[in-house]
Amino acid sequence: MNGGGVNQSPFIKGKQVLLRQPKESDILDRFSCGCHKEIVRMYGGNTRNLQSFTMEEARAFVEKILTTKYNWCIEYLGHCIGQARLTVNEEDQRARYAIGIFDPSVLGKGLGTEVTQLLLSYAFEELRLHRVDLRVLEYNHRAIACYEKCGFVKEGVEREGALIEGKFESDVFMSILEREYSALNDKGQI
């Protein structure tokens, strides 16, 4: 890794996870996990002809995190298991949130919820944003449940806007406003 990236994202420590900048071993962690049909499908990828994940793709994955502001590796038990990102629009005081966990062995452990809560805290309390939003495939029920648990509200649906494996699928738009986050935080719900 060249180390000359623009990622100035701070370390954020949770109970189970650490959000941090990339390190060299993340390339091997990403490579070792490969491509899994369920995960590729939840991201909207084509699972018909899954190819082996290459070391070059793993390196590119980590380099992109390194060179993108507000982009973190998700570390769990000493290994990189995914990434999370805030695409910030400072003028409008908002961000688009995205998370991807690529290690199927850690799904269902609440890690996505913890990462989401940590980054909402960072977005509203440190960056002083007004709004965080996201889009998620309508069939990704696990992700939608996580986002709702973290306070996101469904705003609408982009009907059949993604052609995935020959079928048109819909995206759900969700958001949380600073005042909604603060109310949940004050009640200890997030």
C-alpha atoms as a PDB file:
ATOM      1  CA  MET A   1       0.000   0.000   0.000  1.00  0.00           C
ATOM      2  CA  ASN A   2       1.297   3.417  -0.866  1.00  0.00           C
ATOM      3  CA  GLY A   3       0.075   5.126   2.321  1.00  0.00           C
ATOM      4  CA  GLY A   4      -0.407   8.400   0.472  1.00  0.00           C
ATOM      5  CA  GLY A   5      -4.190   8.408   0.643  1.00  0.00           C
ATOM      6  CA  VAL A   6      -6.558  11.191   1.594  1.00  0.00           C
ATOM      7  CA  ASN A   7      -8.433   9.141   4.175  1.00  0.00           C
ATOM      8  CA  GLN A   8      -8.332  11.195   7.345  1.00  0.00           C
ATOM      9  CA  SER A   9     -10.984   9.188   9.121  1.00  0.00           C
ATOM     10  CA  PRO A  10     -10.365   8.845  12.860  1.00  0.00           C
ATOM     11  CA  PHE A  11     -10.210   5.574  14.735  1.00  0.00           C
ATOM     12  CA  ILE A  12     -13.592   4.805  16.296  1.00  0.00           C
ATOM     13  CA  LYS A  13     -13.731   2.048  18.897  1.00  0.00           C
ATOM     14  CA  GLY A  14     -16.920   0.216  19.738  1.00  0.00           C
ATOM     15  CA  LYS A  15     -17.620  -2.708  22.043  1.00  0.00           C
ATOM     16  CA  GLN A  16     -16.935  -5.354  19.384  1.00  0.00           C
ATOM     17  CA  VAL A  17     -15.518  -3.461  16.410  1.00  0.00           C
ATOM     18  CA  LEU A  18     -12.835  -0.956  15.563  1.00  0.00           C
ATOM     19  CA  LEU A  19     -13.306   1.437  12.648  1.00  0.00           C
ATOM     20  CA  ARG A  20      -9.884   2.387  11.340  1.00  0.00           C
ATOM     21  CA  GLN A  21      -7.758   3.232   8.353  1.00  0.00           C
ATOM     22  CA  PRO A  22      -6.474   0.340   6.261  1.00  0.00           C
ATOM     23  CA  LYS A  23      -3.307  -1.604   6.935  1.00  0.00           C
ATOM     24  CA  GLU A  24      -1.396  -4.087   4.789  1.00  0.00           C
ATOM     25  CA  SER A  25      -2.943  -7.220   6.388  1.00  0.00           C
ATOM     26  CA  ASP A  26      -6.425  -6.054   5.292  1.00  0.00           C
ATOM     27  CA  ILE A  27      -5.565  -7.084   1.743  1.00  0.00           C
ATOM     28  CA  LEU A  28      -5.122 -10.708   2.793  1.00  0.00           C
ATOM     29  CA  ASP A  29      -8.230 -10.564   5.019  1.00  0.00           C
ATOM     30  CA  ARG A  30     -10.308  -9.344   2.063  1.00  0.00           C
ATOM     31  CA  PHE A  31      -8.759 -11.879  -0.298  1.00  0.00           C
ATOM     32  CA  SER A  32      -9.301 -14.763   2.156  1.00  0.00           C
ATOM     33  CA  CYS A  33     -13.038 -14.088   2.395  1.00  0.00           C
ATOM     34  CA  GLY A  34     -13.530 -14.298  -1.358  1.00  0.00           C
ATOM     35  CA  CYS A  35     -16.990 -13.883  -2.882  1.00  0.00           C
ATOM     36  CA  HIS A  36     -20.077 -15.415  -1.303  1.00  0.00           C
ATOM     37  CA  LYS A  37     -23.332 -15.700  -3.190  1.00  0.00           C
ATOM     38  CA  GLU A  38     -25.597 -14.292  -0.444  1.00  0.00           C
ATOM     39  CA  ILE A  39     -23.374 -11.274   0.165  1.00  0.00           C
ATOM     40  CA  VAL A  40     -22.916 -10.528  -3.540  1.00  0.00           C
ATOM     41  CA  ARG A  41     -26.699 -10.698  -4.014  1.00  0.00           C
ATOM     42  CA  MET A  42     -27.377  -8.310  -1.101  1.00  0.00           C
ATOM     43  CA  TYR A  43     -25.017  -5.790  -2.758  1.00  0.00           C
ATOM     44  CA  GLY A  44     -26.878  -6.164  -6.044  1.00  0.00           C
ATOM     45  CA  GLY A  45     -24.149  -8.122  -7.784  1.00  0.00           C
ATOM     46  CA  ASN A  46     -24.468 -10.931 -10.310  1.00  0.00           C
ATOM     47  CA  THR A  47     -24.234 -14.362  -8.666  1.00  0.00           C
ATOM     48  CA  ARG A  48     -24.733 -16.401 -11.843  1.00  0.00           C
ATOM     49  CA  ASN A  49     -21.048 -16.755 -12.693  1.00  0.00           C
ATOM     50  CA  LEU A  50     -19.150 -15.870  -9.539  1.00  0.00           C
ATOM     51  CA  GLN A  51     -15.439 -15.650 -10.193  1.00  0.00           C
ATOM     52  CA  SER A  52     -12.701 -16.158  -7.635  1.00  0.00           C
ATOM     53  CA  PHE A  53     -11.789 -12.947  -5.847  1.00  0.00           C
ATOM     54  CA  THR A  54      -8.250 -11.999  -6.860  1.00  0.00           C
ATOM     55  CA  MET A  55      -5.428 -10.513  -4.843  1.00  0.00           C
ATOM     56  CA  GLU A  56      -5.488  -7.525  -7.219  1.00  0.00           C
ATOM     57  CA  GLU A  57      -9.178  -6.933  -6.417  1.00  0.00           C
ATOM     58  CA  ALA A  58      -8.428  -7.206  -2.696  1.00  0.00           C
ATOM     59  CA  ARG A  59      -5.610  -4.663  -3.022  1.00  0.00           C
ATOM     60  CA  ALA A  60      -7.863  -2.295  -5.032  1.00  0.00           C
ATOM     61  CA  PHE A  61     -10.591  -2.646  -2.396  1.00  0.00           C
ATOM     62  CA  VAL A  62      -8.221  -1.603   0.393  1.00  0.00           C
ATOM     63  CA  GLU A  63      -6.595   1.174  -1.682  1.00  0.00           C
ATOM     64  CA  LYS A  64     -10.009   2.704  -2.336  1.00  0.00           C
ATOM     65  CA  ILE A  65     -10.693   2.866   1.409  1.00  0.00           C
ATOM     66  CA  LEU A  66      -7.277   4.455   1.918  1.00  0.00           C
ATOM     67  CA  THR A  67      -7.871   7.133  -0.715  1.00  0.00           C
ATOM     68  CA  THR A  68     -11.457   8.089   0.192  1.00  0.00           C
ATOM     69  CA  LYS A  69     -12.273  10.483   3.007  1.00  0.00           C
ATOM     70  CA  TYR A  70     -14.633   9.188   5.745  1.00  0.00           C
ATOM     71  CA  ASN A  71     -14.078   5.573   4.748  1.00  0.00           C
ATOM     72  CA  TRP A  72     -13.166   2.923   7.327  1.00  0.00           C
ATOM     73  CA  CYS A  73     -12.112  -0.691   7.525  1.00  0.00           C
ATOM     74  CA  ILE A  74     -14.224  -2.630  10.012  1.00  0.00           C
ATOM     75  CA  GLU A  75     -12.021  -4.697  12.296  1.00  0.00           C
ATOM     76  CA  TYR A  76     -13.432  -7.540  14.378  1.00  0.00           C
ATOM     77  CA  LEU A  77     -11.277  -9.924  16.416  1.00  0.00           C
ATOM     78  CA  GLY A  78      -8.133  -8.560  14.769  1.00  0.00           C
ATOM     79  CA  HIS A  79      -9.279  -8.981  11.166  1.00  0.00           C
ATOM     80  CA  CYS A  80     -10.817  -6.713   8.555  1.00  0.00           C
ATOM     81  CA  ILE A  81     -14.353  -7.980   7.906  1.00  0.00           C
ATOM     82  CA  GLY A  82     -15.759  -5.101   5.864  1.00  0.00           C
ATOM     83  CA  GLN A  83     -15.895  -1.388   5.274  1.00  0.00           C
ATOM     84  CA  ALA A  84     -18.149   1.542   6.069  1.00  0.00           C
ATOM     85  CA  ARG A  85     -18.339   4.979   4.464  1.00  0.00           C
ATOM     86  CA  LEU A  86     -19.921   8.387   4.828  1.00  0.00           C
ATOM     87  CA  THR A  87     -20.060  10.405   1.606  1.00  0.00           C
ATOM     88  CA  VAL A  88     -20.331  13.879   3.090  1.00  0.00           C
ATOM     89  CA  ASN A  89     -21.917  16.911   1.438  1.00  0.00           C
ATOM     90  CA  GLU A  90     -20.694  19.684   3.728  1.00  0.00           C
ATOM     91  CA  GLU A  91     -22.718  22.411   2.005  1.00  0.00           C
ATOM     92  CA  ASP A  92     -26.022  20.670   2.772  1.00  0.00           C
ATOM     93  CA  GLN A  93     -24.779  19.156   6.061  1.00  0.00           C
ATOM     94  CA  ARG A  94     -25.676  15.646   5.013  1.00  0.00           C
ATOM     95  CA  ALA A  95     -24.074  12.317   4.199  1.00  0.00           C
ATOM     96  CA  ARG A  96     -24.875   9.105   2.354  1.00  0.00           C
ATOM     97  CA  TYR A  97     -24.072   6.038   4.468  1.00  0.00           C
ATOM     98  CA  ALA A  98     -22.864   2.708   3.130  1.00  0.00           C
ATOM     99  CA  ILE A  99     -21.617  -0.432   4.835  1.00  0.00           C
ATOM    100  CA  GLY A 100     -20.390  -3.718   3.475  1.00  0.00           C
ATOM    101  CA  ILE A 101     -19.479  -6.759   5.520  1.00  0.00           C
ATOM    102  CA  PHE A 102     -17.770  -9.320   3.297  1.00  0.00           C
ATOM    103  CA  ASP A 103     -17.093 -12.066   5.868  1.00  0.00           C
ATOM    104  CA  PRO A 104     -20.183 -14.316   6.026  1.00  0.00           C
ATOM    105  CA  SER A 105     -19.047 -15.936   9.288  1.00  0.00           C
ATOM    106  CA  VAL A 106     -19.792 -12.726  11.224  1.00  0.00           C
ATOM    107  CA  LEU A 107     -23.290 -12.025   9.897  1.00  0.00           C
ATOM    108  CA  GLY A 108     -26.025 -12.003  12.533  1.00  0.00           C
ATOM    109  CA  LYS A 109     -23.708 -10.917  15.394  1.00  0.00           C
ATOM    110  CA  GLY A 110     -24.955  -7.315  15.553  1.00  0.00           C
ATOM    111  CA  LEU A 111     -21.769  -5.909  14.038  1.00  0.00           C
ATOM    112  CA  GLY A 112     -23.590  -3.990  11.301  1.00  0.00           C
ATOM    113  CA  THR A 113     -25.823  -2.385  13.919  1.00  0.00           C
ATOM    114  CA  GLU A 114     -22.828  -1.417  16.049  1.00  0.00           C
ATOM    115  CA  VAL A 115     -20.959   0.078  13.074  1.00  0.00           C
ATOM    116  CA  THR A 116     -24.064   2.008  11.995  1.00  0.00           C
ATOM    117  CA  GLN A 117     -24.575   3.414  15.491  1.00  0.00           C
ATOM    118  CA  LEU A 118     -20.903   4.412  15.746  1.00  0.00           C
ATOM    119  CA  LEU A 119     -20.986   6.251  12.434  1.00  0.00           C
ATOM    120  CA  LEU A 120     -24.287   7.956  13.220  1.00  0.00           C
ATOM    121  CA  SER A 121     -22.703   9.216  16.418  1.00  0.00           C
ATOM    122  CA  TYR A 122     -19.694  10.460  14.452  1.00  0.00           C
ATOM    123  CA  ALA A 123     -21.875  12.067  11.758  1.00  0.00           C
ATOM    124  CA  PHE A 124     -24.149  13.937  14.149  1.00  0.00           C
ATOM    125  CA  GLU A 125     -21.893  14.610  17.132  1.00  0.00           C
ATOM    126  CA  GLU A 126     -18.514  15.235  15.459  1.00  0.00           C
ATOM    127  CA  LEU A 127     -19.315  16.329  11.898  1.00  0.00           C
ATOM    128  CA  ARG A 128     -22.479  18.152  13.065  1.00  0.00           C
ATOM    129  CA  LEU A 129     -24.512  16.907  10.098  1.00  0.00           C
ATOM    130  CA  HIS A 130     -28.255  17.414   9.796  1.00  0.00           C
ATOM    131  CA  ARG A 131     -29.125  14.252   7.863  1.00  0.00           C
ATOM    132  CA  VAL A 132     -27.725  10.817   7.028  1.00  0.00           C
ATOM    133  CA  ASP A 133     -29.387   8.778   4.312  1.00  0.00           C
ATOM    134  CA  LEU A 134     -28.896   5.539   2.430  1.00  0.00           C
ATOM    135  CA  ARG A 135     -30.345   3.311  -0.220  1.00  0.00           C
ATOM    136  CA  VAL A 136     -30.754  -0.426   0.119  1.00  0.00           C
ATOM    137  CA  LEU A 137     -32.201  -3.140  -2.088  1.00  0.00           C
ATOM    138  CA  GLU A 138     -35.775  -3.865  -1.062  1.00  0.00           C
ATOM    139  CA  TYR A 139     -35.070  -7.594  -0.706  1.00  0.00           C
ATOM    140  CA  ASN A 140     -32.187  -6.999   1.736  1.00  0.00           C
ATOM    141  CA  HIS A 141     -34.381  -7.523   4.804  1.00  0.00           C
ATOM    142  CA  ARG A 142     -31.434  -8.040   7.183  1.00  0.00           C
ATOM    143  CA  ALA A 143     -29.973  -4.611   6.324  1.00  0.00           C
ATOM    144  CA  ILE A 144     -33.341  -2.850   6.471  1.00  0.00           C
ATOM    145  CA  ALA A 145     -34.002  -4.295   9.940  1.00  0.00           C
ATOM    146  CA  CYS A 146     -30.557  -3.070  11.074  1.00  0.00           C
ATOM    147  CA  TYR A 147     -31.177   0.437   9.748  1.00  0.00           C
ATOM    148  CA  GLU A 148     -34.631   0.641  11.338  1.00  0.00           C
ATOM    149  CA  LYS A 149     -33.156  -0.508  14.662  1.00  0.00           C
ATOM    150  CA  CYS A 150     -30.678   2.383  14.377  1.00  0.00           C
ATOM    151  CA  GLY A 151     -33.455   4.933  13.773  1.00  0.00           C
ATOM    152  CA  PHE A 152     -33.553   5.219  10.000  1.00  0.00           C
ATOM    153  CA  VAL A 153     -36.996   5.903   8.518  1.00  0.00           C
ATOM    154  CA  LYS A 154     -38.173   4.672   5.131  1.00  0.00           C
ATOM    155  CA  GLU A 155     -38.719   7.638   2.827  1.00  0.00           C
ATOM    156  CA  GLY A 156     -39.646   5.999  -0.415  1.00  0.00           C
ATOM    157  CA  VAL A 157     -38.948   3.383  -3.021  1.00  0.00           C
ATOM    158  CA  GLU A 158     -37.241   3.663  -6.373  1.00  0.00           C
ATOM    159  CA  ARG A 159     -39.327   1.115  -8.202  1.00  0.00           C
ATOM    160  CA  GLU A 160     -37.509  -1.415 -10.369  1.00  0.00           C
ATOM    161  CA  GLY A 161     -34.456   0.783 -10.846  1.00  0.00           C
ATOM    162  CA  ALA A 162     -31.820  -1.957 -10.712  1.00  0.00           C
ATOM    163  CA  LEU A 163     -31.560  -4.815 -13.201  1.00  0.00           C
ATOM    164  CA  ILE A 164     -30.099  -7.714 -11.231  1.00  0.00           C
ATOM    165  CA  GLU A 165     -29.681 -11.116 -12.830  1.00  0.00           C
ATOM    166  CA  GLY A 166     -32.340 -10.385 -15.425  1.00  0.00           C
ATOM    167  CA  LYS A 167     -34.945  -9.081 -12.952  1.00  0.00           C
ATOM    168  CA  PHE A 168     -35.789  -5.491 -12.089  1.00  0.00           C
ATOM    169  CA  GLU A 169     -35.414  -4.826  -8.364  1.00  0.00           C
ATOM    170  CA  SER A 170     -36.371  -1.831  -6.237  1.00  0.00           C
ATOM    171  CA  ASP A 171     -34.325   0.280  -3.835  1.00  0.00           C
ATOM    172  CA  VAL A 172     -35.608   1.634  -0.534  1.00  0.00           C
ATOM    173  CA  PHE A 173     -34.490   5.125   0.497  1.00  0.00           C
ATOM    174  CA  MET A 174     -34.044   5.660   4.239  1.00  0.00           C
ATOM    175  CA  SER A 175     -32.791   8.531   6.369  1.00  0.00           C
ATOM    176  CA  ILE A 176     -32.333   9.769   9.901  1.00  0.00           C
ATOM    177  CA  LEU A 177     -32.265  13.426  10.922  1.00  0.00           C
ATOM    178  CA  GLU A 178     -30.121  14.878  13.691  1.00  0.00           C
ATOM    179  CA  ARG A 179     -33.158  15.592  15.913  1.00  0.00           C
ATOM    180  CA  GLU A 180     -34.371  11.988  15.505  1.00  0.00           C
ATOM    181  CA  TYR A 181     -30.918  10.679  16.389  1.00  0.00           C
ATOM    182  CA  SER A 182     -30.741  12.994  19.431  1.00  0.00           C
ATOM    183  CA  ALA A 183     -34.171  11.884  20.669  1.00  0.00           C
ATOM    184  CA  LEU A 184     -33.217   8.200  20.408  1.00  0.00           C
ATOM    185  CA  ASN A 185     -29.828   8.867  21.982  1.00  0.00           C
ATOM    186  CA  ASP A 186     -31.415  10.788  24.876  1.00  0.00           C
ATOM    187  CA  LYS A 187     -33.686   7.810  25.543  1.00  0.00           C
ATOM    188  CA  GLY A 188     -30.713   5.415  25.408  1.00  0.00           C
ATOM    189  CA  GLN A 189     -32.212   3.579  22.433  1.00  0.00           C
ATOM    190  CA  ILE A 190     -29.061   3.859  20.321  1.00  0.00           C
END
